[in-house]
Amino acid sequence: MAIAVVAAATLGLAFLLYHLCFSLFISPLTKIPVSLNSTSALRIMYGAGSAFERTSFYNIFHAYAKSAMLKGANAAIVEAKIRQYLDLIARQEGSNEIFASLHYFSLDTMTDFLYGKYGKTSCLEGSEADRALVDDIVDVARRRLSWFTVHLPRYTAWLYSWTGLFGKVARGSYPMQLPNTYTGVRRHVMIACQEFARSPAAYDLCESVEQTPPLIAKLWKNHYSRKTGGLDDVDIASGCADHLLAGIDTTSDALMFFIWSLSQPESNRSQQKLVGEVRSISQENLNAHHIPNVEASDKLPYVNAVIKETLRLYAPLPAPEPRKAPTATVIDGYRIPAGTTVSILPYTLYRNLKVFLDIMQFNTDRWMDPSQNTVEISRWFLAFLVEAECALDSKMTRLVAAVYRKYTTTTICDIDIVSPGIISRYEMFYDEGCGGVKVSFGFHYYCTKMKALPSHDISQEHIHFNTLNWGI
């Protein structure tokens, strides 16, 4: 690891000297990454029809397609996973790891949406092999590997390229030992794509388009076997992997912070108000398992306000979302040279003192109180910038509506004074208003108690939840 540290320090010094000399002897304007924080910049950089390009950072996902609408078969998938999640809660009477179970929900939902019967996981139903994929995702060394991949991509690729004797020597400097992050997930993705490629759906156009709901079937219409110059198997696998990797952590982390925030003692009134709203959903808008349908879930203003406030304070992607200026342009009066990397940080965007009052306070009423200029704050809200891969709001709304129709939540242990933490690439992110983040052998442990609400069709029970989150 010493070699890696020396290399990073050397490159950092070289970067500093380069820009110093460039500024002194060539141009007073040095082309370095630019971070902006305004709605005008937001519209220019990420809005519809924006000419700003993704940077090479996104090559680690090999993005291809961006489409996920919770309608029809996709809505049925989410509904089925919510039912399985509620069953998991009911089965585990003593305790449940919310961090793990929410990841199970996210992984099962995404793989069913992407691959259907050709590669969907069964974490919520207890498959140990599928649950092992979550362990692959939460390896604590992932932070270090992410940092090296973003800041030292060539060095990282060179380091892992060695084999034989030199490969054994290089292992001591690996940011993360093999198998590294997402190894299991990538293997699962390739196997799922191979399963589909061998199926009749890959060759029968009518069957693959009309009867097979997974996204992979839609991508397969552009396979080279269907059209000249089309995609190969790896291209399609990469497109599916883009959705999968983007949707697992974001959904589960956002849901974890939602439950944790509502479970705080000071949020008791907010939780009561939310419970009242979701329990007011009429029976005709519930399915046989008492899960609200999509239409009813979309008409819950207070639930949506809580979701927005959760995503404002605890955006699953708080770090910069880089874009590259294709040509010289002007943003907020500043000339941005062509090729400059620009970005906006959701973390700072949602903490603008001119827009949001009491920026560090979890205040759900700010989204519904006319005195707080709800129109203006809504203009500043963009939960995932343009990286909303999988309709997070809809999935969150349906799950939390189903959960809080049956349960109320409160904190136990010291979770009301210790914050959960998440990893955004390599940055540690948590609630700064708490006393800190509880760490134990690389994991954070949190406890939440869920109490069943009285109802003619809901049994009385108490369920203790342990929220487990990974960190450094």
Protein backbone atom coordinates (compact mmCIF):
# COMPACT_ATOMS: atom_id res chain seq x y z
CA MET A 1 0.00 0.00 0.00
CA ALA A 2 3.02 2.25 0.56
CA ILE A 3 3.67 2.28 -3.20
CA ALA A 4 0.11 3.42 -3.83
CA VAL A 5 0.39 6.22 -1.25
CA VAL A 6 3.67 7.45 -2.74
CA ALA A 7 2.21 7.31 -6.25
CA ALA A 8 -0.87 9.26 -5.18
CA ALA A 9 1.23 11.91 -3.42
CA THR A 10 3.54 12.25 -6.43
CA LEU A 11 0.66 12.65 -8.86
CA GLY A 12 -1.01 15.15 -6.55
CA LEU A 13 2.18 17.26 -6.43
CA ALA A 14 2.54 17.02 -10.22
CA PHE A 15 -1.08 18.16 -10.62
CA LEU A 16 -0.41 21.19 -8.39
CA LEU A 17 2.82 22.16 -10.19
CA TYR A 18 1.18 21.78 -13.60
CA HIS A 19 -1.63 24.17 -12.78
CA LEU A 20 0.72 26.60 -11.03
CA CYS A 21 3.00 26.80 -14.09
CA PHE A 22 0.02 26.96 -16.44
CA SER A 23 -1.42 29.92 -14.52
CA LEU A 24 1.91 31.79 -14.26
CA PHE A 25 3.30 31.36 -17.77
CA ILE A 26 0.48 30.39 -20.15
CA SER A 27 -2.96 31.60 -19.07
CA PRO A 28 -4.54 33.22 -16.00
CA LEU A 29 -7.50 30.86 -16.46
CA THR A 30 -6.66 27.28 -15.46
CA LYS A 31 -9.00 24.56 -16.66
CA ILE A 32 -9.85 22.67 -13.48
CA PRO A 33 -13.17 21.10 -12.42
CA VAL A 34 -15.86 23.68 -11.68
CA SER A 35 -18.63 23.24 -9.11
CA LEU A 36 -21.79 25.33 -9.39
CA ASN A 37 -24.82 25.78 -7.15
CA SER A 38 -27.82 27.38 -8.86
CA THR A 39 -31.02 26.40 -10.62
CA SER A 40 -29.81 28.01 -13.85
CA ALA A 41 -26.69 25.83 -13.81
CA LEU A 42 -28.86 22.85 -12.96
CA ARG A 43 -31.05 23.46 -16.00
CA ILE A 44 -28.12 24.03 -18.39
CA MET A 45 -26.04 21.06 -17.23
CA TYR A 46 -28.65 18.41 -16.49
CA GLY A 47 -31.90 19.61 -18.06
CA ALA A 48 -33.69 18.10 -21.03
CA GLY A 49 -31.70 18.58 -24.22
CA SER A 50 -28.51 19.52 -22.38
CA ALA A 51 -25.38 19.32 -24.55
CA PHE A 52 -23.17 18.60 -21.55
CA GLU A 53 -21.57 15.19 -21.81
CA ARG A 54 -20.92 12.59 -19.16
CA THR A 55 -17.29 12.33 -18.09
CA SER A 56 -15.16 9.19 -18.13
CA PHE A 57 -16.26 8.58 -14.52
CA TYR A 58 -19.39 6.92 -15.90
CA ASN A 59 -17.35 4.46 -17.94
CA ILE A 60 -17.15 2.27 -14.85
CA PHE A 61 -20.87 1.62 -15.38
CA HIS A 62 -20.85 1.47 -19.22
CA ALA A 63 -24.23 3.20 -19.34
CA TYR A 64 -26.49 2.32 -22.21
CA ALA A 65 -30.17 2.77 -21.53
CA LYS A 66 -32.20 4.84 -19.05
CA SER A 67 -35.81 3.78 -18.71
CA ALA A 68 -37.75 2.43 -15.77
CA MET A 69 -41.44 3.19 -15.41
CA LEU A 70 -43.53 1.69 -12.66
CA LYS A 71 -46.49 0.69 -14.80
CA GLY A 72 -48.07 -2.60 -15.78
CA ALA A 73 -45.72 -5.53 -15.27
CA ASN A 74 -43.15 -3.34 -13.51
CA ALA A 75 -45.71 -2.14 -10.97
CA ALA A 76 -46.64 -5.78 -10.34
CA ILE A 77 -42.97 -6.58 -9.68
CA VAL A 78 -42.69 -3.85 -7.05
CA GLU A 79 -45.97 -4.95 -5.48
CA ALA A 80 -44.77 -8.55 -5.20
CA LYS A 81 -41.49 -7.48 -3.58
CA ILE A 82 -43.30 -5.27 -1.08
CA ARG A 83 -45.45 -8.25 -0.09
CA GLN A 84 -42.33 -10.38 0.35
CA TYR A 85 -40.72 -7.63 2.43
CA LEU A 86 -43.74 -7.49 4.75
CA ASP A 87 -43.63 -11.28 5.02
CA LEU A 88 -39.96 -11.05 5.99
CA ILE A 89 -40.84 -8.59 8.74
CA ALA A 90 -43.57 -10.88 10.03
CA ARG A 91 -41.30 -13.95 10.04
CA GLN A 92 -38.52 -12.37 12.08
CA GLU A 93 -40.14 -11.74 15.42
CA GLY A 94 -36.99 -10.89 17.37
CA SER A 95 -34.90 -8.62 15.19
CA ASN A 96 -34.25 -7.71 11.60
CA GLU A 97 -31.33 -5.94 9.99
CA ILE A 98 -32.97 -3.10 8.09
CA PHE A 99 -29.82 -2.31 6.14
CA ALA A 100 -29.63 -5.86 4.86
CA SER A 101 -33.36 -6.38 4.31
CA LEU A 102 -33.74 -3.13 2.38
CA HIS A 103 -30.84 -4.16 0.17
CA TYR A 104 -32.62 -7.49 -0.37
CA PHE A 105 -35.72 -5.57 -1.44
CA SER A 106 -33.74 -3.37 -3.83
CA LEU A 107 -31.75 -6.22 -5.34
CA ASP A 108 -34.78 -8.48 -5.84
CA THR A 109 -36.79 -5.65 -7.40
CA MET A 110 -34.04 -4.55 -9.78
CA THR A 111 -33.07 -8.04 -10.95
CA ASP A 112 -36.71 -9.00 -11.59
CA PHE A 113 -37.23 -5.80 -13.57
CA LEU A 114 -34.03 -6.31 -15.57
CA TYR A 115 -33.88 -10.07 -16.12
CA GLY A 116 -37.20 -11.62 -15.11
CA LYS A 117 -37.01 -15.40 -14.79
CA TYR A 118 -33.57 -15.41 -16.42
CA GLY A 119 -31.77 -13.80 -13.50
CA LYS A 120 -34.02 -12.48 -10.74
CA THR A 121 -32.75 -12.97 -7.18
CA SER A 122 -34.66 -14.31 -4.17
CA CYS A 123 -33.02 -12.56 -1.22
CA LEU A 124 -36.33 -11.77 0.50
CA GLU A 125 -37.28 -15.44 0.31
CA GLY A 126 -34.07 -16.53 2.00
CA SER A 127 -31.68 -17.52 -0.81
CA GLU A 128 -28.23 -17.47 0.81
CA ALA A 129 -26.47 -17.45 -2.57
CA ASP A 130 -28.37 -14.35 -3.64
CA ARG A 131 -27.91 -12.66 -0.27
CA ALA A 132 -24.16 -13.13 -0.67
CA LEU A 133 -24.34 -10.58 -3.51
CA VAL A 134 -25.15 -7.93 -0.90
CA ASP A 135 -22.00 -8.87 1.03
CA ASP A 136 -20.08 -8.29 -2.19
CA ILE A 137 -21.54 -4.79 -2.46
CA VAL A 138 -20.84 -3.70 1.12
CA ASP A 139 -17.18 -4.71 1.41
CA VAL A 140 -15.51 -1.92 3.39
CA ALA A 141 -12.54 -1.73 1.00
CA ARG A 142 -14.90 -0.47 -1.70
CA ARG A 143 -14.25 3.14 -0.65
CA ARG A 144 -10.54 2.88 -1.31
CA LEU A 145 -11.02 1.16 -4.66
CA SER A 146 -13.55 3.81 -5.73
CA TRP A 147 -11.10 6.60 -4.90
CA PHE A 148 -8.32 4.98 -6.92
CA THR A 149 -10.65 4.18 -9.83
CA VAL A 150 -11.82 7.80 -10.10
CA HIS A 151 -8.56 9.66 -9.38
CA LEU A 152 -5.93 7.20 -10.60
CA PRO A 153 -7.69 5.14 -13.27
CA ARG A 154 -4.61 4.28 -15.35
CA TYR A 155 -2.52 3.38 -12.33
CA THR A 156 -5.33 1.21 -10.94
CA ALA A 157 -5.82 -0.62 -14.25
CA TRP A 158 -2.05 -1.11 -14.58
CA LEU A 159 -1.78 -2.42 -11.01
CA TYR A 160 -4.49 -5.06 -11.49
CA SER A 161 -3.16 -6.07 -14.92
CA TRP A 162 -0.08 -7.85 -13.55
CA THR A 163 -0.07 -11.65 -13.38
CA GLY A 164 2.36 -14.33 -12.29
CA LEU A 165 5.19 -13.32 -9.96
CA PHE A 166 4.72 -9.59 -10.55
CA GLY A 167 1.01 -10.03 -9.86
CA LYS A 168 1.78 -11.54 -6.46
CA VAL A 169 4.03 -8.58 -5.67
CA ALA A 170 1.39 -6.10 -6.86
CA ARG A 171 -1.26 -7.56 -4.54
CA GLY A 172 0.33 -5.79 -1.60
CA SER A 173 -0.56 -2.46 -3.23
CA TYR A 174 -4.09 -3.32 -4.34
CA PRO A 175 -6.66 -0.74 -3.14
CA MET A 176 -8.98 -3.74 -2.65
CA GLN A 177 -8.01 -7.39 -2.76
CA LEU A 178 -9.58 -9.70 -5.33
CA PRO A 179 -12.39 -10.50 -5.74
CA ASN A 180 -13.13 -6.78 -5.61
CA THR A 181 -16.38 -4.83 -5.40
CA TYR A 182 -19.25 -6.00 -7.60
CA THR A 183 -17.38 -9.14 -8.68
CA GLY A 184 -20.32 -11.31 -7.66
CA VAL A 185 -22.84 -8.87 -9.12
CA ARG A 186 -20.99 -8.68 -12.44
CA ARG A 187 -20.83 -12.47 -12.59
CA HIS A 188 -24.56 -12.67 -11.87
CA VAL A 189 -25.25 -10.13 -14.63
CA MET A 190 -23.26 -12.09 -17.22
CA ILE A 191 -24.90 -15.39 -16.26
CA ALA A 192 -28.37 -13.80 -16.52
CA CYS A 193 -27.57 -12.40 -19.96
CA GLN A 194 -26.21 -15.75 -21.11
CA GLU A 195 -29.38 -17.46 -19.86
CA PHE A 196 -31.49 -15.07 -21.87
CA ALA A 197 -29.26 -15.47 -24.95
CA ARG A 198 -29.87 -19.23 -24.85
CA SER A 199 -33.63 -18.88 -24.42
CA PRO A 200 -36.24 -18.91 -27.23
CA ALA A 201 -37.06 -15.28 -26.36
CA ALA A 202 -33.71 -14.20 -27.77
CA TYR A 203 -34.68 -15.50 -31.21
CA ASP A 204 -38.46 -15.13 -31.30
CA LEU A 205 -39.18 -11.43 -31.86
CA CYS A 206 -42.84 -11.69 -30.92
CA GLU A 207 -42.15 -13.60 -27.72
CA SER A 208 -39.25 -11.42 -26.62
CA VAL A 209 -41.09 -8.15 -27.17
CA GLU A 210 -44.70 -8.95 -26.33
CA GLN A 211 -44.49 -11.65 -23.67
CA THR A 212 -41.18 -11.03 -21.90
CA PRO A 213 -41.32 -7.99 -19.60
CA PRO A 214 -37.64 -7.68 -18.54
CA LEU A 215 -35.57 -4.78 -19.80
CA ILE A 216 -33.07 -7.18 -21.31
CA ALA A 217 -35.71 -8.20 -23.87
CA LYS A 218 -36.05 -4.59 -25.00
CA LEU A 219 -32.30 -4.18 -25.29
CA TRP A 220 -32.09 -7.43 -27.22
CA LYS A 221 -34.06 -5.84 -30.07
CA ASN A 222 -30.81 -3.98 -30.79
CA HIS A 223 -28.62 -7.10 -30.66
CA TYR A 224 -26.36 -7.67 -33.66
CA SER A 225 -28.35 -10.82 -34.44
CA ARG A 226 -31.39 -8.58 -35.00
CA LYS A 227 -29.81 -5.64 -36.82
CA THR A 228 -26.58 -4.85 -38.63
CA GLY A 229 -24.06 -3.11 -36.40
CA GLY A 230 -26.12 -3.88 -33.31
CA LEU A 231 -25.01 -4.48 -29.74
CA ASP A 232 -23.08 -7.54 -28.65
CA ASP A 233 -23.73 -9.55 -25.49
CA VAL A 234 -21.29 -7.50 -23.40
CA ASP A 235 -22.92 -4.22 -24.46
CA ILE A 236 -26.32 -5.48 -23.34
CA ALA A 237 -24.92 -6.88 -20.09
CA SER A 238 -23.32 -3.48 -19.41
CA GLY A 239 -26.59 -1.68 -20.07
CA CYS A 240 -28.40 -3.89 -17.57
CA ALA A 241 -25.56 -3.60 -15.06
CA ASP A 242 -25.82 0.19 -15.25
CA HIS A 243 -29.40 0.03 -13.99
CA LEU A 244 -28.62 -2.60 -11.39
CA LEU A 245 -25.60 -0.90 -9.82
CA ALA A 246 -27.33 2.47 -9.81
CA GLY A 247 -30.52 1.20 -8.20
CA ILE A 248 -29.41 -1.03 -5.33
CA ASP A 249 -27.72 1.34 -2.86
CA THR A 250 -29.75 4.43 -3.73
CA THR A 251 -33.12 2.85 -2.97
CA SER A 252 -32.06 1.00 0.17
CA ASP A 253 -30.10 3.93 1.64
CA ALA A 254 -32.94 6.39 1.03
CA LEU A 255 -35.45 4.03 2.63
CA MET A 256 -33.17 3.49 5.62
CA PHE A 257 -32.87 7.24 6.26
CA PHE A 258 -36.63 7.64 5.75
CA ILE A 259 -37.43 5.10 8.49
CA TRP A 260 -34.67 6.37 10.78
CA SER A 261 -35.77 10.02 10.44
CA LEU A 262 -39.41 9.24 11.18
CA SER A 263 -38.38 7.08 14.15
CA GLN A 264 -36.69 9.96 15.98
CA PRO A 265 -38.52 11.18 19.13
CA GLU A 266 -38.86 14.69 17.67
CA SER A 267 -40.52 13.24 14.55
CA ASN A 268 -43.39 11.63 16.44
CA ARG A 269 -45.93 14.17 15.15
CA SER A 270 -44.70 13.71 11.57
CA GLN A 271 -45.00 9.95 11.85
CA GLN A 272 -48.52 10.16 13.27
CA LYS A 273 -49.53 12.44 10.41
CA LEU A 274 -48.03 10.05 7.85
CA VAL A 275 -49.69 7.01 9.44
CA GLY A 276 -53.02 8.81 9.36
CA GLU A 277 -52.63 9.59 5.68
CA VAL A 278 -51.67 6.07 4.54
CA ARG A 279 -54.38 4.46 6.68
CA SER A 280 -56.97 6.74 5.07
CA ILE A 281 -56.47 5.01 1.71
CA SER A 282 -59.78 3.43 0.75
CA GLN A 283 -60.18 -0.34 0.44
CA GLU A 284 -60.80 -0.16 -3.31
CA ASN A 285 -57.29 1.25 -3.70
CA LEU A 286 -55.71 -1.70 -1.88
CA ASN A 287 -54.91 -5.10 -3.32
CA ALA A 288 -55.66 -8.42 -1.63
CA HIS A 289 -52.53 -8.01 0.51
CA HIS A 290 -53.51 -4.47 1.63
CA ILE A 291 -50.77 -2.85 -0.45
CA PRO A 292 -51.79 0.52 -1.98
CA ASN A 293 -51.90 0.64 -5.77
CA VAL A 294 -49.78 3.03 -7.84
CA GLU A 295 -52.55 5.58 -8.35
CA ALA A 296 -53.33 5.85 -4.63
CA SER A 297 -49.65 6.00 -3.68
CA ASP A 298 -49.09 8.92 -6.06
CA LYS A 299 -51.82 10.91 -4.29
CA LEU A 300 -50.28 11.01 -0.81
CA PRO A 301 -49.03 14.60 -0.41
CA TYR A 302 -47.61 14.19 3.07
CA VAL A 303 -45.78 10.96 2.24
CA ASN A 304 -44.24 12.75 -0.74
CA ALA A 305 -43.25 15.65 1.51
CA VAL A 306 -41.46 13.28 3.90
CA ILE A 307 -39.70 11.59 0.98
CA LYS A 308 -38.54 14.95 -0.38
CA GLU A 309 -37.25 16.04 3.01
CA THR A 310 -35.45 12.72 3.45
CA LEU A 311 -33.80 13.06 0.04
CA ARG A 312 -32.96 16.70 0.72
CA LEU A 313 -31.04 15.92 3.91
CA TYR A 314 -29.84 12.44 3.01
CA ALA A 315 -29.49 12.31 -0.76
CA PRO A 316 -28.13 8.85 -1.65
CA LEU A 317 -25.85 10.60 -4.16
CA PRO A 318 -24.63 13.69 -2.25
CA ALA A 319 -21.32 13.86 -4.13
CA PRO A 320 -20.66 15.68 -7.44
CA GLU A 321 -22.37 14.47 -10.61
CA PRO A 322 -19.72 15.43 -13.22
CA ARG A 323 -20.43 16.60 -16.74
CA LYS A 324 -18.08 17.92 -19.43
CA ALA A 325 -18.66 21.11 -21.41
CA PRO A 326 -18.59 20.16 -25.13
CA THR A 327 -17.98 23.77 -26.18
CA ALA A 328 -17.18 27.03 -24.44
CA THR A 329 -20.28 28.25 -22.65
CA VAL A 330 -21.41 30.81 -20.08
CA ILE A 331 -23.07 29.74 -16.82
CA ASP A 332 -24.17 32.30 -14.23
CA GLY A 333 -22.00 34.91 -15.94
CA TYR A 334 -18.83 32.80 -15.91
CA ARG A 335 -17.21 31.60 -19.12
CA ILE A 336 -16.57 27.86 -18.97
CA PRO A 337 -13.91 26.68 -21.48
CA ALA A 338 -14.65 23.68 -23.68
CA GLY A 339 -13.69 20.38 -22.11
CA THR A 340 -14.04 21.64 -18.54
CA THR A 341 -15.56 19.23 -16.04
CA VAL A 342 -18.49 20.85 -14.26
CA SER A 343 -20.71 19.48 -11.53
CA ILE A 344 -23.34 20.24 -8.92
CA LEU A 345 -23.36 18.70 -5.45
CA PRO A 346 -26.85 17.78 -4.20
CA TYR A 347 -25.46 18.20 -0.68
CA THR A 348 -24.81 21.93 -1.17
CA LEU A 349 -27.76 22.44 -3.51
CA TYR A 350 -30.20 21.45 -0.76
CA ARG A 351 -28.47 23.51 1.93
CA ASN A 352 -28.75 26.92 0.31
CA LEU A 353 -29.59 29.34 3.12
CA LYS A 354 -31.35 31.69 0.71
CA VAL A 355 -33.85 28.97 -0.19
CA PHE A 356 -34.17 26.57 2.76
CA LEU A 357 -34.81 27.68 6.33
CA ASP A 358 -33.16 25.69 9.13
CA ILE A 359 -31.17 23.70 6.58
CA MET A 360 -30.00 21.00 9.01
CA GLN A 361 -33.44 20.39 10.52
CA PHE A 362 -35.68 17.54 9.35
CA ASN A 363 -38.79 19.61 8.65
CA THR A 364 -41.39 17.91 6.46
CA ASP A 365 -43.75 20.90 6.63
CA ARG A 366 -41.42 23.04 4.51
CA TRP A 367 -42.78 21.28 1.40
CA MET A 368 -46.42 22.05 2.23
CA ASP A 369 -46.30 25.38 4.09
CA PRO A 370 -47.09 28.28 1.69
CA SER A 371 -45.21 30.69 3.96
CA GLN A 372 -41.98 28.90 3.07
CA ASN A 373 -42.32 29.53 -0.69
CA THR A 374 -42.91 25.93 -1.71
CA VAL A 375 -42.69 26.83 -5.40
CA GLU A 376 -39.14 28.13 -5.04
CA ILE A 377 -37.84 25.24 -2.94
CA SER A 378 -39.39 22.76 -5.37
CA ARG A 379 -37.37 24.39 -8.16
CA TRP A 380 -34.22 23.55 -6.22
CA PHE A 381 -35.21 19.98 -5.57
CA LEU A 382 -33.91 17.27 -7.85
CA ALA A 383 -33.41 14.14 -5.78
CA PHE A 384 -31.14 12.30 -8.21
CA LEU A 385 -30.27 15.03 -10.71
CA VAL A 386 -30.77 13.14 -13.99
CA GLU A 387 -29.53 9.86 -12.58
CA ALA A 388 -33.00 8.75 -11.45
CA GLU A 389 -32.49 5.28 -12.82
CA CYS A 390 -35.49 3.50 -11.39
CA ALA A 391 -38.33 5.78 -10.29
CA LEU A 392 -37.18 5.90 -6.67
CA ASP A 393 -40.06 8.04 -5.44
CA SER A 394 -42.66 5.53 -6.65
CA LYS A 395 -40.91 2.56 -5.07
CA MET A 396 -40.40 4.43 -1.80
CA THR A 397 -43.99 5.66 -1.68
CA ARG A 398 -45.51 2.22 -2.14
CA LEU A 399 -43.19 0.51 0.34
CA VAL A 400 -43.46 3.07 3.13
CA ALA A 401 -47.23 3.31 2.65
CA ALA A 402 -47.51 -0.46 3.04
CA VAL A 403 -45.18 -0.56 6.07
CA TYR A 404 -46.73 2.37 7.93
CA ARG A 405 -50.25 1.08 7.34
CA LYS A 406 -49.26 -1.81 9.61
CA TYR A 407 -46.54 -0.45 11.90
CA THR A 408 -45.26 2.54 13.80
CA THR A 409 -41.52 2.91 14.41
CA THR A 410 -39.47 4.21 17.32
CA THR A 411 -35.77 4.24 18.09
CA ILE A 412 -34.15 2.09 20.75
CA CYS A 413 -30.55 1.76 21.96
CA ASP A 414 -28.68 4.97 21.12
CA ILE A 415 -29.80 5.33 17.52
CA ASP A 416 -31.55 8.62 18.30
CA ILE A 417 -28.15 10.20 19.03
CA VAL A 418 -25.99 8.22 16.59
CA SER A 419 -26.49 8.57 12.86
CA PRO A 420 -26.51 5.89 10.18
CA GLY A 421 -23.81 6.37 7.59
CA ILE A 422 -23.62 5.64 3.89
CA ILE A 423 -20.83 5.60 1.36
CA SER A 424 -21.11 7.77 -1.74
CA ARG A 425 -18.32 6.38 -3.92
CA TYR A 426 -15.61 7.01 -1.32
CA GLU A 427 -17.08 9.81 0.82
CA MET A 428 -18.63 9.05 4.21
CA PHE A 429 -22.06 10.66 4.61
CA TYR A 430 -24.23 10.88 7.72
CA ASP A 431 -26.29 13.31 9.81
CA GLU A 432 -23.87 15.89 11.22
CA GLY A 433 -26.44 16.88 13.83
CA CYS A 434 -25.96 13.59 15.68
CA GLY A 435 -23.25 12.71 18.14
CA GLY A 436 -21.39 10.65 15.56
CA VAL A 437 -21.43 7.37 13.72
CA LYS A 438 -21.17 4.16 15.69
CA VAL A 439 -18.50 1.92 14.20
CA SER A 440 -17.78 -1.72 15.02
CA PHE A 441 -15.42 -3.75 12.82
CA GLY A 442 -16.37 -1.73 9.78
CA PHE A 443 -20.11 -1.85 10.38
CA HIS A 444 -22.64 0.54 11.91
CA TYR A 445 -25.38 -0.95 14.07
CA TYR A 446 -28.72 0.76 14.64
CA CYS A 447 -31.91 -0.38 16.32
CA THR A 448 -35.49 0.52 15.48
CA LYS A 449 -38.59 -0.91 17.11
CA MET A 450 -41.64 -1.47 14.95
CA LYS A 451 -45.00 -1.81 16.67
CA ALA A 452 -48.03 -3.20 14.85
CA LEU A 453 -51.00 -0.85 14.63
CA PRO A 454 -54.41 -2.09 15.83
CA SER A 455 -56.64 -3.27 13.01
CA HIS A 456 -59.18 -5.99 12.39
CA ASP A 457 -56.83 -7.66 9.91
CA ILE A 458 -53.48 -7.02 11.59
CA SER A 459 -52.30 -9.08 14.56
CA GLN A 460 -50.73 -7.44 17.60
CA GLU A 461 -46.97 -7.89 17.68
CA HIS A 462 -43.70 -6.13 18.40
CA ILE A 463 -40.79 -6.44 16.04
CA HIS A 464 -37.29 -5.14 16.79
CA PHE A 465 -35.24 -4.01 13.84
CA ASN A 466 -31.48 -3.68 13.76
CA THR A 467 -30.34 -1.31 11.05
CA LEU A 468 -26.94 -2.45 9.86
CA ASN A 469 -24.91 -0.14 7.65
CA TRP A 470 -21.45 -0.46 6.29
CA GLY A 471 -18.71 2.12 6.65
CA ILE A 472 -15.02 2.35 7.23
